[in-house]
Amino acid sequence: MLKGISNILPPDLLKILMEMGHGDELVIADGNFPAASHAQRLVRCDGQGVPPLLEAILQLFPLDSFVKHPVALMAVVPGDKYVPEIWPVYKKIVKKYESRFGDFDMIERHAFYERAKKAYAIVATGEAALYANIILKKGVVS
């Protein structure tokens, strides 16, 4: 354990966050996401939900200030009437760490999968909420 670093962040995730450079992307995936088949690098956090991990990561991880949407979500599939209750939670967490944050980029499901395949890493969680997948684009520490 380290002072000032959340104990829910496993060592391999901390290593990945340090390795990532400006513009690299990190996917935090819900429990339904095909993380193992899509990841270049996979970190398992099966016992965790996305919100606590997002909170812990954003304490250390700058978002890219040079793009319009440094945070992306998987859009609800057309015709699905579900309204994701977790998205306002994400917005509150992101705004806590990035005061300039505007809104999320909404990505169609299959396009999200393709983007996830190119991400630096995917964090697989045990999150049960639907449409709880999120992509973070790393910025620079100034």
Protein backbone atom coordinates (compact mmCIF):
# COMPACT_ATOMS: atom_id res chain seq x y z
CA MET A 1 0.00 0.00 0.00
CA LEU A 2 1.06 3.56 -0.66
CA LYS A 3 0.00 6.83 0.88
CA GLY A 4 -2.30 8.89 -1.32
CA ILE A 5 -3.00 6.08 -3.79
CA SER A 6 -6.27 4.17 -3.58
CA ASN A 7 -5.86 0.57 -2.48
CA ILE A 8 -8.37 -0.55 -5.14
CA LEU A 9 -5.80 0.16 -7.88
CA PRO A 10 -3.78 -3.02 -8.42
CA PRO A 11 -0.03 -2.71 -9.10
CA ASP A 12 -0.37 -3.76 -12.74
CA LEU A 13 -2.90 -0.98 -13.36
CA LEU A 14 -0.61 1.60 -11.73
CA LYS A 15 2.20 0.43 -14.01
CA ILE A 16 -0.03 0.81 -17.07
CA LEU A 17 -1.19 4.29 -16.03
CA MET A 18 2.49 5.31 -15.70
CA GLU A 19 3.42 3.79 -19.08
CA MET A 20 0.64 5.51 -20.97
CA GLY A 21 1.47 8.66 -22.89
CA HIS A 22 -0.47 11.66 -24.15
CA GLY A 23 -3.34 10.51 -26.36
CA ASP A 24 -3.29 6.89 -25.22
CA GLU A 25 -6.69 5.52 -24.23
CA LEU A 26 -7.84 3.43 -21.29
CA VAL A 27 -11.12 1.49 -21.32
CA ILE A 28 -12.85 0.76 -18.03
CA ALA A 29 -15.27 -1.99 -18.95
CA ASP A 30 -18.38 -3.33 -17.28
CA GLY A 31 -18.88 -7.01 -16.49
CA ASN A 32 -20.58 -7.73 -19.82
CA PHE A 33 -17.83 -6.28 -22.02
CA PRO A 34 -15.70 -8.77 -24.00
CA ALA A 35 -12.53 -7.39 -22.41
CA ALA A 36 -10.25 -10.42 -22.76
CA SER A 37 -10.87 -10.80 -26.49
CA HIS A 38 -10.45 -7.08 -27.21
CA ALA A 39 -7.51 -6.06 -25.00
CA GLN A 40 -3.90 -5.45 -25.99
CA ARG A 41 -3.26 -5.29 -22.23
CA LEU A 42 -5.85 -6.53 -19.75
CA VAL A 43 -6.15 -5.67 -16.07
CA ARG A 44 -8.72 -7.62 -14.05
CA CYS A 45 -10.60 -5.78 -11.31
CA ASP A 46 -13.54 -8.19 -11.15
CA GLY A 47 -14.59 -7.29 -7.61
CA GLN A 48 -14.83 -3.57 -8.35
CA GLY A 49 -17.47 -1.37 -9.90
CA VAL A 50 -16.59 1.29 -12.46
CA PRO A 51 -17.38 4.40 -10.34
CA PRO A 52 -14.83 3.72 -7.56
CA LEU A 53 -12.18 2.80 -10.13
CA LEU A 54 -12.95 5.89 -12.21
CA GLU A 55 -12.61 8.02 -9.09
CA ALA A 56 -9.30 6.41 -8.11
CA ILE A 57 -7.88 6.64 -11.64
CA LEU A 58 -8.83 10.28 -12.20
CA GLN A 59 -6.96 11.27 -9.03
CA LEU A 60 -3.79 10.26 -10.91
CA PHE A 61 -4.69 10.45 -14.60
CA PRO A 62 -4.95 13.74 -16.50
CA LEU A 63 -7.53 13.89 -19.27
CA ASP A 64 -6.54 15.21 -22.69
CA SER A 65 -7.32 18.93 -22.84
CA PHE A 66 -6.51 19.14 -26.57
CA VAL A 67 -9.56 17.17 -27.75
CA LYS A 68 -13.23 18.07 -27.56
CA HIS A 69 -14.27 14.82 -25.85
CA PRO A 70 -11.55 13.15 -23.71
CA VAL A 71 -14.17 10.78 -22.24
CA ALA A 72 -16.35 8.48 -24.32
CA LEU A 73 -19.27 6.19 -23.52
CA MET A 74 -20.90 3.33 -25.39
CA ALA A 75 -24.18 4.70 -26.75
CA VAL A 76 -27.44 2.90 -26.08
CA VAL A 77 -28.30 0.62 -29.00
CA PRO A 78 -31.03 2.20 -31.17
CA GLY A 79 -34.41 0.85 -30.14
CA ASP A 80 -33.29 0.00 -26.62
CA LYS A 81 -35.41 2.05 -24.22
CA TYR A 82 -32.94 1.69 -21.33
CA VAL A 83 -31.66 4.94 -19.82
CA PRO A 84 -28.26 4.35 -18.18
CA GLU A 85 -28.45 5.51 -14.56
CA ILE A 86 -24.68 5.29 -14.17
CA TRP A 87 -23.87 8.07 -16.66
CA PRO A 88 -24.77 10.97 -14.31
CA VAL A 89 -22.53 9.31 -11.70
CA TYR A 90 -19.68 9.31 -14.22
CA LYS A 91 -20.30 12.94 -15.11
CA LYS A 92 -20.15 13.97 -11.45
CA ILE A 93 -16.86 12.10 -10.93
CA VAL A 94 -15.25 13.48 -14.09
CA LYS A 95 -16.31 17.06 -13.29
CA LYS A 96 -14.78 16.67 -9.81
CA TYR A 97 -11.34 16.17 -11.36
CA GLU A 98 -11.70 18.09 -14.65
CA SER A 99 -13.56 21.35 -14.15
CA ARG A 100 -13.46 22.16 -17.90
CA PHE A 101 -15.22 18.91 -18.80
CA GLY A 102 -18.19 19.46 -21.11
CA ASP A 103 -19.85 16.24 -22.15
CA PHE A 104 -19.19 12.68 -23.22
CA ASP A 105 -18.53 11.47 -26.73
CA MET A 106 -21.23 8.89 -27.47
CA ILE A 107 -19.98 5.99 -29.58
CA GLU A 108 -22.10 3.37 -31.34
CA ARG A 109 -21.60 -0.10 -29.84
CA HIS A 110 -19.58 -1.74 -32.64
CA ALA A 111 -17.47 1.40 -33.14
CA PHE A 112 -16.82 1.37 -29.38
CA TYR A 113 -15.58 -2.23 -29.64
CA GLU A 114 -13.22 -1.29 -32.49
CA ARG A 115 -11.88 1.69 -30.56
CA ALA A 116 -11.41 -0.49 -27.48
CA LYS A 117 -9.26 -2.90 -29.50
CA LYS A 118 -6.87 0.00 -30.19
CA ALA A 119 -6.81 1.21 -26.58
CA TYR A 120 -3.58 0.96 -24.62
CA ALA A 121 -5.35 -1.17 -22.02
CA ILE A 122 -8.72 -2.42 -20.86
CA VAL A 123 -9.68 -2.70 -17.21
CA ALA A 124 -12.26 -5.47 -16.74
CA THR A 125 -14.55 -4.82 -13.78
CA GLY A 126 -17.45 -6.56 -12.11
CA GLU A 127 -19.75 -3.60 -12.83
CA ALA A 128 -23.33 -4.85 -13.29
CA ALA A 129 -24.84 -1.62 -14.67
CA LEU A 130 -25.71 -1.69 -18.35
CA TYR A 131 -23.87 0.62 -20.79
CA ALA A 132 -21.25 1.25 -18.11
CA ASN A 133 -18.22 1.14 -20.43
CA ILE A 134 -16.06 4.26 -20.54
CA ILE A 135 -12.96 5.36 -22.45
CA LEU A 136 -10.50 7.89 -21.02
CA LYS A 137 -7.96 9.67 -23.26
CA LYS A 138 -4.80 10.57 -21.35
CA GLY A 139 -3.56 14.12 -21.30
CA VAL A 140 -0.38 15.69 -20.00
CA VAL A 141 0.65 16.57 -16.48
CA SER A 142 1.40 20.27 -16.46
